[in-house]
């Protein structure tokens, strides 16, 4: 499982900042504020993603994506659980893989493999199969929010962060 300690912290912080988010590094051994799953899983409070060195990258990206898909005015109310719907959850799974491509040394293939290792379940049997063959509705959901470009299936440039 690829963790935050395995990659460049500054690259993650810069990626999140492009979406108006902040990465807060939690000291090793300390509880992660706003973590839904506990243990080493990333947490959310407002526009901040909390993570330790042992936080899996896929977890950090997944939780960040929940904030990315929300309008900035709704982010302030988020604490621990940001999921609004099954459709959002599906879209976040696609978006986290795309953000993996934006991080040096990560990539979507690693994010998808780590999702499987963590225990995500998809009806086609793997995160990669979902991403490649069963996620059309998620892509449309993300496109409607200006986060991806279709038919290219790429990230759209992030909107400027609010002042």
Foldseek 3Di string as FASTA:
>chain_A
DAFQLNFDVVLVQVLLVLLVAGEDEDEPPDWAFQAQVTDQAWHAAQRYIYGYRRHHLLRSQLVSQLVSLDDNVVSNPDGNDSDDDPLSSLLSLLRSQQVLCSGPPGHSVNSFVVCVVVPDQDPVGTSVCCNPPPRPSSLVSCVVSVQADPPVGHGGRHDGHDD
